[in-house]
Amino acid sequence: MMFVEIDKARAELGLTAWELCRRAGVHPASYSQWRTGGRDPRQSSLKRLTSAIEELRQERREAAG
């Protein structure tokens, strides 16, 4: 998942960047640098972000019944 997709998913879930970072265990400043192209994220960081998105999607599906 690239940052365009991450941002789209984040917006669809109604999360701020800070909330996603908190859920994923990623520092918000790092996230900002990755989004703007200032630095490249490690694969492990991308995995944490995408996992946090998928976990929240699953939580919402379960809550919806």
Foldseek 3Di string as FASTA:
>chain_A
DAPVVLVVLCVVLVHDLVRLCVLLVHDSVVVVCCVVVVDPDDPSSVVSSVVSSVVSVVVVVVVVD
